Amino acid sequence: MNRKLTILLGLLVLVAGTSQVQAGKKLYVGNLPYSADDQALRMEDDSTIPPTPLQDIRVRLNGAHRGTYAAPLDALSMSSSLGIVNPTSNGRGDAGFLTVSYTGPSGSFPLSSVCDMSLDILDPGNGNPVLMKNGVVKFFNEAKGFGFVVISESTGVAEDAYSITGRINPAQTGLTFSNVQVFQPSGNSFFDVFPELNFAPGGTLDPNAPLFDLVVTPVPEPSTIAICAMAVLVTIAAPRRRWRVSQITQTKYSPMPDFSRQ
């Protein structure tokens, strides 16, 4: 019993330590050295004084068209803006988002369309793209949206993982994702996201509300997740293994019962 409690306490300490480390990573919209057309978030370690810049995430809406990814038609009137989820008094938050809005006549929104959005994770020290380890779509659901995880690494800096999710604004009834394509050239962190939209004939488009947003959230490192998962497995398996060993020992080496006393 004491051993089980020790393992559980160790797991709690590990998770608590991880939470404290992750709590120091905050995103904000900063005055970054890019052109006026670029929109960028900066992730920094907010637990240091002053905060330490870690990575920049440049997010852009490059355009939108009627039709599909495979067969785009004429351009659509779209705009985007960058913001922070639940910002604190210093403007920092746990996640950032790019909101995409339709600026054309609501009655002319097509039944099918596709947006071209790009993300680029940069080293704040030199502005160059960092190395990427992953950029694969993890889930896709027409109503709930899409999501994928990217893992990046700057020179001399530990790797960072980001969750990138797209979600439809509930105010836009009848609007869903019909597909999503991710294009990532090898060798750097630039990648394009092409979400396709489907607008049901009976839907209602609210011209004053965004269509959808792309949310960028720092997540724990995969190594930390693996350690936590292993600790959970050990915690669950250890008592059972001890029981099995005890049963085997008793079966093989226990003395014969004394029936004469019964």
C-alpha atoms as a PDB file:
ATOM      1  CA  MET A   1       0.000   0.000   0.000  1.00  0.00           C
ATOM      2  CA  ASN A   2       2.822   2.404   0.883  1.00  0.00           C
ATOM      3  CA  ARG A   3       4.515   1.707  -2.450  1.00  0.00           C
ATOM      4  CA  LYS A   4       1.303   2.441  -4.343  1.00  0.00           C
ATOM      5  CA  LEU A   5       0.888   5.728  -2.496  1.00  0.00           C
ATOM      6  CA  THR A   6       4.517   6.604  -3.255  1.00  0.00           C
ATOM      7  CA  ILE A   7       3.981   6.017  -6.984  1.00  0.00           C
ATOM      8  CA  LEU A   8       0.774   8.063  -6.956  1.00  0.00           C
ATOM      9  CA  LEU A   9       2.445  10.923  -5.092  1.00  0.00           C
ATOM     10  CA  GLY A  10       5.355  10.833  -7.557  1.00  0.00           C
ATOM     11  CA  LEU A  11       2.911  11.015 -10.456  1.00  0.00           C
ATOM     12  CA  LEU A  12       1.126  13.981  -8.888  1.00  0.00           C
ATOM     13  CA  VAL A  13       4.423  15.790  -8.391  1.00  0.00           C
ATOM     14  CA  LEU A  14       5.362  15.110 -12.017  1.00  0.00           C
ATOM     15  CA  VAL A  15       2.040  16.411 -13.330  1.00  0.00           C
ATOM     16  CA  ALA A  16       2.204  19.446 -11.039  1.00  0.00           C
ATOM     17  CA  GLY A  17       5.710  20.228 -12.215  1.00  0.00           C
ATOM     18  CA  THR A  18       4.617  19.902 -15.835  1.00  0.00           C
ATOM     19  CA  SER A  19       1.649  22.213 -15.220  1.00  0.00           C
ATOM     20  CA  GLN A  20       3.930  24.838 -13.703  1.00  0.00           C
ATOM     21  CA  VAL A  21       6.310  24.668 -16.661  1.00  0.00           C
ATOM     22  CA  GLN A  22       3.476  24.920 -19.185  1.00  0.00           C
ATOM     23  CA  ALA A  23       1.800  27.710 -17.212  1.00  0.00           C
ATOM     24  CA  GLY A  24       4.841  29.884 -17.928  1.00  0.00           C
ATOM     25  CA  LYS A  25       4.296  29.702 -21.690  1.00  0.00           C
ATOM     26  CA  LYS A  26       2.053  32.509 -22.875  1.00  0.00           C
ATOM     27  CA  LEU A  27       1.083  33.911 -26.259  1.00  0.00           C
ATOM     28  CA  TYR A  28       0.522  37.526 -27.149  1.00  0.00           C
ATOM     29  CA  VAL A  29       0.190  39.725 -30.218  1.00  0.00           C
ATOM     30  CA  GLY A  30       3.407  41.704 -30.318  1.00  0.00           C
ATOM     31  CA  ASN A  31       5.100  44.389 -32.394  1.00  0.00           C
ATOM     32  CA  LEU A  32       7.160  41.926 -34.373  1.00  0.00           C
ATOM     33  CA  PRO A  33       9.643  42.782 -37.147  1.00  0.00           C
ATOM     34  CA  TYR A  34       7.472  41.693 -40.054  1.00  0.00           C
ATOM     35  CA  SER A  35       5.600  43.501 -42.786  1.00  0.00           C
ATOM     36  CA  ALA A  36       2.207  45.107 -42.246  1.00  0.00           C
ATOM     37  CA  ASP A  37       0.584  42.209 -44.116  1.00  0.00           C
ATOM     38  CA  ASP A  38       1.878  39.666 -41.624  1.00  0.00           C
ATOM     39  CA  GLN A  39       0.036  38.752 -38.458  1.00  0.00           C
ATOM     40  CA  ALA A  40       2.135  37.110 -35.785  1.00  0.00           C
ATOM     41  CA  LEU A  41       1.810  35.706 -32.279  1.00  0.00           C
ATOM     42  CA  ARG A  42       4.776  35.438 -29.957  1.00  0.00           C
ATOM     43  CA  MET A  43       5.199  32.690 -27.414  1.00  0.00           C
ATOM     44  CA  GLU A  44       7.350  33.501 -24.420  1.00  0.00           C
ATOM     45  CA  ASP A  45       8.212  32.171 -21.007  1.00  0.00           C
ATOM     46  CA  ASP A  46       6.230  34.502 -18.771  1.00  0.00           C
ATOM     47  CA  SER A  47       7.741  33.067 -15.584  1.00  0.00           C
ATOM     48  CA  THR A  48      11.034  34.928 -16.131  1.00  0.00           C
ATOM     49  CA  ILE A  49      11.704  38.648 -15.579  1.00  0.00           C
ATOM     50  CA  PRO A  50      11.662  39.995 -18.209  1.00  0.00           C
ATOM     51  CA  PRO A  51       9.717  37.347 -20.175  1.00  0.00           C
ATOM     52  CA  THR A  52      11.925  35.250 -22.478  1.00  0.00           C
ATOM     53  CA  PRO A  53      10.850  35.119 -26.168  1.00  0.00           C
ATOM     54  CA  LEU A  54      10.607  31.484 -27.318  1.00  0.00           C
ATOM     55  CA  GLN A  55       9.037  31.357 -30.781  1.00  0.00           C
ATOM     56  CA  ASP A  56       6.954  33.468 -33.154  1.00  0.00           C
ATOM     57  CA  ILE A  57       3.931  32.050 -34.959  1.00  0.00           C
ATOM     58  CA  ARG A  58       3.132  33.980 -38.125  1.00  0.00           C
ATOM     59  CA  VAL A  59      -0.470  33.346 -39.192  1.00  0.00           C
ATOM     60  CA  ARG A  60      -1.975  34.692 -42.406  1.00  0.00           C
ATOM     61  CA  LEU A  61      -5.115  34.444 -44.481  1.00  0.00           C
ATOM     62  CA  ASN A  62      -3.781  34.374 -48.025  1.00  0.00           C
ATOM     63  CA  GLY A  63      -7.162  34.342 -49.722  1.00  0.00           C
ATOM     64  CA  ALA A  64     -10.403  32.477 -50.375  1.00  0.00           C
ATOM     65  CA  HIS A  65     -12.180  31.185 -53.467  1.00  0.00           C
ATOM     66  CA  ARG A  66     -15.462  29.672 -54.465  1.00  0.00           C
ATOM     67  CA  GLY A  67     -15.273  25.983 -55.292  1.00  0.00           C
ATOM     68  CA  THR A  68     -12.892  23.434 -53.792  1.00  0.00           C
ATOM     69  CA  TYR A  69      -9.203  22.920 -53.126  1.00  0.00           C
ATOM     70  CA  ALA A  70      -8.906  20.859 -56.308  1.00  0.00           C
ATOM     71  CA  ALA A  71     -10.981  23.258 -58.424  1.00  0.00           C
ATOM     72  CA  PRO A  72     -10.937  26.837 -57.036  1.00  0.00           C
ATOM     73  CA  LEU A  73     -13.028  29.433 -58.867  1.00  0.00           C
ATOM     74  CA  ASP A  74     -13.249  33.225 -58.477  1.00  0.00           C
ATOM     75  CA  ALA A  75     -11.991  34.957 -55.333  1.00  0.00           C
ATOM     76  CA  LEU A  76     -14.212  35.632 -52.308  1.00  0.00           C
ATOM     77  CA  SER A  77     -14.187  38.770 -50.150  1.00  0.00           C
ATOM     78  CA  MET A  78     -12.635  37.685 -46.844  1.00  0.00           C
ATOM     79  CA  SER A  79     -10.758  39.326 -43.995  1.00  0.00           C
ATOM     80  CA  SER A  80      -8.981  38.144 -40.856  1.00  0.00           C
ATOM     81  CA  SER A  81      -7.831  39.458 -37.492  1.00  0.00           C
ATOM     82  CA  LEU A  82      -5.534  38.144 -34.779  1.00  0.00           C
ATOM     83  CA  GLY A  83      -6.362  37.959 -31.087  1.00  0.00           C
ATOM     84  CA  ILE A  84      -5.728  36.276 -27.723  1.00  0.00           C
ATOM     85  CA  VAL A  85      -8.035  33.893 -25.875  1.00  0.00           C
ATOM     86  CA  ASN A  86      -8.835  35.189 -22.358  1.00  0.00           C
ATOM     87  CA  PRO A  87      -6.079  37.834 -22.244  1.00  0.00           C
ATOM     88  CA  THR A  88      -4.730  39.007 -18.890  1.00  0.00           C
ATOM     89  CA  SER A  89      -3.956  42.597 -17.961  1.00  0.00           C
ATOM     90  CA  ASN A  90      -0.565  42.374 -19.686  1.00  0.00           C
ATOM     91  CA  GLY A  91      -2.132  41.075 -22.922  1.00  0.00           C
ATOM     92  CA  ARG A  92      -0.810  37.538 -22.503  1.00  0.00           C
ATOM     93  CA  GLY A  93      -3.006  34.475 -22.844  1.00  0.00           C
ATOM     94  CA  ASP A  94      -2.922  30.712 -23.067  1.00  0.00           C
ATOM     95  CA  ALA A  95      -3.888  30.643 -26.765  1.00  0.00           C
ATOM     96  CA  GLY A  96      -4.088  32.835 -29.836  1.00  0.00           C
ATOM     97  CA  PHE A  97      -6.559  32.835 -32.702  1.00  0.00           C
ATOM     98  CA  LEU A  98      -6.973  34.030 -36.272  1.00  0.00           C
ATOM     99  CA  THR A  99     -10.597  34.938 -36.996  1.00  0.00           C
ATOM    100  CA  VAL A 100     -11.819  34.677 -40.599  1.00  0.00           C
ATOM    101  CA  SER A 101     -14.810  36.751 -41.733  1.00  0.00           C
ATOM    102  CA  TYR A 102     -16.776  37.094 -44.954  1.00  0.00           C
ATOM    103  CA  THR A 103     -17.029  40.715 -46.129  1.00  0.00           C
ATOM    104  CA  GLY A 104     -19.185  40.277 -49.240  1.00  0.00           C
ATOM    105  CA  PRO A 105     -22.993  40.299 -49.606  1.00  0.00           C
ATOM    106  CA  SER A 106     -24.475  37.599 -47.371  1.00  0.00           C
ATOM    107  CA  GLY A 107     -26.874  36.495 -50.085  1.00  0.00           C
ATOM    108  CA  SER A 108     -24.024  35.604 -52.426  1.00  0.00           C
ATOM    109  CA  PHE A 109     -22.047  33.299 -50.133  1.00  0.00           C
ATOM    110  CA  PRO A 110     -21.379  30.121 -52.165  1.00  0.00           C
ATOM    111  CA  LEU A 111     -22.429  26.605 -51.211  1.00  0.00           C
ATOM    112  CA  SER A 112     -18.793  25.501 -51.415  1.00  0.00           C
ATOM    113  CA  SER A 113     -15.615  27.502 -50.885  1.00  0.00           C
ATOM    114  CA  VAL A 114     -12.031  27.084 -49.772  1.00  0.00           C
ATOM    115  CA  CYS A 115      -9.658  29.297 -47.737  1.00  0.00           C
ATOM    116  CA  ASP A 116      -5.869  29.449 -47.990  1.00  0.00           C
ATOM    117  CA  MET A 117      -4.255  30.010 -44.584  1.00  0.00           C
ATOM    118  CA  SER A 118      -0.561  29.766 -43.806  1.00  0.00           C
ATOM    119  CA  LEU A 119       1.385  29.355 -40.587  1.00  0.00           C
ATOM    120  CA  ASP A 120       5.098  29.803 -40.111  1.00  0.00           C
ATOM    121  CA  ILE A 121       6.923  29.210 -36.813  1.00  0.00           C
ATOM    122  CA  LEU A 122       9.999  31.412 -36.523  1.00  0.00           C
ATOM    123  CA  ASP A 123      13.024  31.863 -34.304  1.00  0.00           C
ATOM    124  CA  PRO A 124      12.537  35.266 -32.605  1.00  0.00           C
ATOM    125  CA  GLY A 125      16.306  35.766 -32.504  1.00  0.00           C
ATOM    126  CA  ASN A 126      16.848  35.808 -36.257  1.00  0.00           C
ATOM    127  CA  GLY A 127      13.373  35.596 -37.803  1.00  0.00           C
ATOM    128  CA  ASN A 128      14.211  32.392 -39.670  1.00  0.00           C
ATOM    129  CA  PRO A 129      11.849  29.399 -39.866  1.00  0.00           C
ATOM    130  CA  VAL A 130      12.539  26.712 -37.294  1.00  0.00           C
ATOM    131  CA  LEU A 131      12.719  22.989 -37.970  1.00  0.00           C
ATOM    132  CA  MET A 132       9.465  21.036 -37.951  1.00  0.00           C
ATOM    133  CA  LYS A 133       8.899  17.450 -36.868  1.00  0.00           C
ATOM    134  CA  ASN A 134       5.210  17.022 -37.595  1.00  0.00           C
ATOM    135  CA  GLY A 135       2.272  18.676 -39.315  1.00  0.00           C
ATOM    136  CA  VAL A 136      -0.274  15.907 -39.744  1.00  0.00           C
ATOM    137  CA  VAL A 137      -4.036  16.322 -39.382  1.00  0.00           C
ATOM    138  CA  LYS A 138      -5.077  14.555 -36.181  1.00  0.00           C
ATOM    139  CA  PHE A 139      -8.859  14.768 -36.457  1.00  0.00           C
ATOM    140  CA  PHE A 140     -11.516  16.038 -38.793  1.00  0.00           C
ATOM    141  CA  ASN A 141     -15.234  16.423 -38.181  1.00  0.00           C
ATOM    142  CA  GLU A 142     -17.563  18.444 -40.369  1.00  0.00           C
ATOM    143  CA  ALA A 143     -19.466  19.956 -37.456  1.00  0.00           C
ATOM    144  CA  LYS A 144     -16.736  20.167 -34.778  1.00  0.00           C
ATOM    145  CA  GLY A 145     -13.855  21.241 -36.977  1.00  0.00           C
ATOM    146  CA  PHE A 146     -10.323  19.996 -37.539  1.00  0.00           C
ATOM    147  CA  GLY A 147      -7.079  19.839 -35.624  1.00  0.00           C
ATOM    148  CA  PHE A 148      -3.449  18.877 -35.888  1.00  0.00           C
ATOM    149  CA  VAL A 149      -0.278  19.100 -33.851  1.00  0.00           C
ATOM    150  CA  VAL A 150       3.029  20.554 -34.985  1.00  0.00           C
ATOM    151  CA  ILE A 151       6.348  20.168 -33.167  1.00  0.00           C
ATOM    152  CA  SER A 152       9.085  22.732 -33.734  1.00  0.00           C
ATOM    153  CA  GLU A 153      12.635  23.236 -32.559  1.00  0.00           C
ATOM    154  CA  SER A 154      14.820  26.335 -32.576  1.00  0.00           C
ATOM    155  CA  THR A 155      18.611  26.204 -32.441  1.00  0.00           C
ATOM    156  CA  GLY A 156      19.670  25.770 -28.835  1.00  0.00           C
ATOM    157  CA  VAL A 157      16.049  25.810 -27.617  1.00  0.00           C
ATOM    158  CA  ALA A 158      13.990  22.845 -26.454  1.00  0.00           C
ATOM    159  CA  GLU A 159      11.241  21.719 -28.814  1.00  0.00           C
ATOM    160  CA  ASP A 160       7.754  23.185 -28.514  1.00  0.00           C
ATOM    161  CA  ALA A 161       4.465  21.622 -29.560  1.00  0.00           C
ATOM    162  CA  TYR A 162       1.395  23.502 -30.749  1.00  0.00           C
ATOM    163  CA  SER A 163      -2.182  22.385 -31.191  1.00  0.00           C
ATOM    164  CA  ILE A 164      -3.794  24.010 -34.254  1.00  0.00           C
ATOM    165  CA  THR A 165      -7.582  23.708 -34.394  1.00  0.00           C
ATOM    166  CA  GLY A 166     -10.248  25.135 -36.680  1.00  0.00           C
ATOM    167  CA  ARG A 167     -13.803  25.632 -35.476  1.00  0.00           C
ATOM    168  CA  ILE A 168     -16.949  26.962 -37.123  1.00  0.00           C
ATOM    169  CA  ASN A 169     -18.752  29.872 -35.469  1.00  0.00           C
ATOM    170  CA  PRO A 170     -22.053  28.486 -34.077  1.00  0.00           C
ATOM    171  CA  ALA A 171     -23.782  31.693 -35.239  1.00  0.00           C
ATOM    172  CA  GLN A 172     -23.339  30.578 -38.854  1.00  0.00           C
ATOM    173  CA  THR A 173     -26.056  27.929 -39.089  1.00  0.00           C
ATOM    174  CA  GLY A 174     -25.637  25.508 -41.947  1.00  0.00           C
ATOM    175  CA  LEU A 175     -21.908  26.190 -42.303  1.00  0.00           C
ATOM    176  CA  THR A 176     -19.566  23.199 -41.872  1.00  0.00           C
ATOM    177  CA  PHE A 177     -16.110  22.049 -42.901  1.00  0.00           C
ATOM    178  CA  SER A 178     -16.255  19.629 -45.804  1.00  0.00           C
ATOM    179  CA  ASN A 179     -12.531  18.906 -46.051  1.00  0.00           C
ATOM    180  CA  VAL A 180      -9.121  20.165 -44.962  1.00  0.00           C
ATOM    181  CA  GLN A 181      -5.776  19.888 -46.733  1.00  0.00           C
ATOM    182  CA  VAL A 182      -2.378  20.562 -45.161  1.00  0.00           C
ATOM    183  CA  PHE A 183       0.612  21.256 -47.385  1.00  0.00           C
ATOM    184  CA  GLN A 184       4.057  21.355 -45.752  1.00  0.00           C
ATOM    185  CA  PRO A 185       7.287  21.710 -47.724  1.00  0.00           C
ATOM    186  CA  SER A 186      10.120  19.686 -46.237  1.00  0.00           C
ATOM    187  CA  GLY A 187      12.911  21.413 -44.384  1.00  0.00           C
ATOM    188  CA  ASN A 188      11.171  24.278 -42.590  1.00  0.00           C
ATOM    189  CA  SER A 189       8.143  25.214 -40.557  1.00  0.00           C
ATOM    190  CA  PHE A 190       6.019  26.830 -43.261  1.00  0.00           C
ATOM    191  CA  PHE A 191       2.795  25.043 -44.058  1.00  0.00           C
ATOM    192  CA  ASP A 192      -0.506  25.896 -45.757  1.00  0.00           C
ATOM    193  CA  VAL A 193      -3.907  24.910 -44.393  1.00  0.00           C
ATOM    194  CA  PHE A 194      -6.779  24.734 -46.891  1.00  0.00           C
ATOM    195  CA  PRO A 195     -10.133  24.297 -45.085  1.00  0.00           C
ATOM    196  CA  GLU A 196     -13.087  23.737 -47.405  1.00  0.00           C
ATOM    197  CA  LEU A 197     -16.469  25.105 -46.336  1.00  0.00           C
ATOM    198  CA  ASN A 198     -19.917  23.761 -47.113  1.00  0.00           C
ATOM    199  CA  PHE A 199     -22.948  26.034 -46.723  1.00  0.00           C
ATOM    200  CA  ALA A 200     -26.295  24.236 -46.591  1.00  0.00           C
ATOM    201  CA  PRO A 201     -29.073  25.726 -48.791  1.00  0.00           C
ATOM    202  CA  GLY A 202     -31.286  26.272 -45.733  1.00  0.00           C
ATOM    203  CA  GLY A 203     -28.549  27.888 -43.640  1.00  0.00           C
ATOM    204  CA  THR A 204     -28.397  31.474 -42.403  1.00  0.00           C
ATOM    205  CA  LEU A 205     -25.261  33.572 -42.726  1.00  0.00           C
ATOM    206  CA  ASP A 206     -24.742  36.282 -40.106  1.00  0.00           C
ATOM    207  CA  PRO A 207     -22.740  39.064 -41.810  1.00  0.00           C
ATOM    208  CA  ASN A 208     -21.742  40.531 -38.429  1.00  0.00           C
ATOM    209  CA  ALA A 209     -20.136  37.341 -37.116  1.00  0.00           C
ATOM    210  CA  PRO A 210     -16.929  35.569 -38.201  1.00  0.00           C
ATOM    211  CA  LEU A 211     -17.177  32.359 -40.205  1.00  0.00           C
ATOM    212  CA  PHE A 212     -14.580  30.377 -38.260  1.00  0.00           C
ATOM    213  CA  ASP A 213     -11.310  30.746 -36.404  1.00  0.00           C
ATOM    214  CA  LEU A 214      -7.963  29.020 -36.229  1.00  0.00           C
ATOM    215  CA  VAL A 215      -6.731  28.575 -32.634  1.00  0.00           C
ATOM    216  CA  VAL A 216      -3.051  28.096 -31.729  1.00  0.00           C
ATOM    217  CA  THR A 217      -2.363  26.618 -28.292  1.00  0.00           C
ATOM    218  CA  PRO A 218       0.955  25.525 -26.727  1.00  0.00           C
ATOM    219  CA  VAL A 219       0.725  21.926 -25.476  1.00  0.00           C
ATOM    220  CA  PRO A 220       2.990  19.787 -23.269  1.00  0.00           C
ATOM    221  CA  GLU A 221       5.972  18.168 -24.927  1.00  0.00           C
ATOM    222  CA  PRO A 222       5.391  14.620 -26.223  1.00  0.00           C
ATOM    223  CA  SER A 223       8.174  13.336 -23.957  1.00  0.00           C
ATOM    224  CA  THR A 224       6.319  14.687 -20.920  1.00  0.00           C
ATOM    225  CA  ILE A 225       3.076  13.115 -22.084  1.00  0.00           C
ATOM    226  CA  ALA A 226       4.844   9.780 -22.585  1.00  0.00           C
ATOM    227  CA  ILE A 227       6.372   9.919 -19.097  1.00  0.00           C
ATOM    228  CA  CYS A 228       2.989  10.680 -17.536  1.00  0.00           C
ATOM    229  CA  ALA A 229       1.332   7.871 -19.510  1.00  0.00           C
ATOM    230  CA  MET A 230       4.050   5.424 -18.459  1.00  0.00           C
ATOM    231  CA  ALA A 231       3.676   6.465 -14.833  1.00  0.00           C
ATOM    232  CA  VAL A 232      -0.067   5.833 -15.021  1.00  0.00           C
ATOM    233  CA  LEU A 233       0.500   2.387 -16.537  1.00  0.00           C
ATOM    234  CA  VAL A 234       3.053   1.523 -13.865  1.00  0.00           C
ATOM    235  CA  THR A 235       0.663   2.703 -11.153  1.00  0.00           C
ATOM    236  CA  ILE A 236      -2.124   0.540 -12.525  1.00  0.00           C
ATOM    237  CA  ALA A 237       0.007  -2.516 -13.322  1.00  0.00           C
ATOM    238  CA  ALA A 238       2.161  -2.633 -10.187  1.00  0.00           C
ATOM    239  CA  PRO A 239      -0.522  -3.779  -7.678  1.00  0.00           C
ATOM    240  CA  ARG A 240      -1.792  -6.450 -10.092  1.00  0.00           C
ATOM    241  CA  ARG A 241       1.713  -7.759 -10.752  1.00  0.00           C
ATOM    242  CA  ARG A 242       2.440  -7.979  -7.034  1.00  0.00           C
ATOM    243  CA  TRP A 243      -0.806  -9.907  -6.517  1.00  0.00           C
ATOM    244  CA  ARG A 244       0.088 -12.379  -9.283  1.00  0.00           C
ATOM    245  CA  VAL A 245       3.586 -12.927  -7.866  1.00  0.00           C
ATOM    246  CA  SER A 246       2.109 -13.434  -4.392  1.00  0.00           C
ATOM    247  CA  GLN A 247      -0.403 -15.967  -5.699  1.00  0.00           C
ATOM    248  CA  ILE A 248       2.290 -17.911  -7.550  1.00  0.00           C
ATOM    249  CA  THR A 249       4.523 -17.915  -4.472  1.00  0.00           C
ATOM    250  CA  GLN A 250       1.730 -19.190  -2.246  1.00  0.00           C
ATOM    251  CA  THR A 251       0.792 -21.890  -4.747  1.00  0.00           C
ATOM    252  CA  LYS A 252       4.330 -23.187  -5.186  1.00  0.00           C
ATOM    253  CA  TYR A 253       5.787 -22.822  -1.692  1.00  0.00           C
ATOM    254  CA  SER A 254       3.009 -22.673   0.915  1.00  0.00           C
ATOM    255  CA  PRO A 255       2.944 -25.667   3.323  1.00  0.00           C
ATOM    256  CA  MET A 256       0.196 -28.236   2.989  1.00  0.00           C
ATOM    257  CA  PRO A 257      -2.885 -27.342   5.064  1.00  0.00           C
ATOM    258  CA  ASP A 258      -3.347 -29.269   8.347  1.00  0.00           C
ATOM    259  CA  PHE A 259      -6.699 -31.065   7.911  1.00  0.00           C
ATOM    260  CA  SER A 260      -6.316 -32.804  11.209  1.00  0.00           C
ATOM    261  CA  ARG A 261      -7.362 -29.629  13.053  1.00  0.00           C
ATOM    262  CA  GLN A 262     -10.672 -29.416  11.224  1.00  0.00           C
END
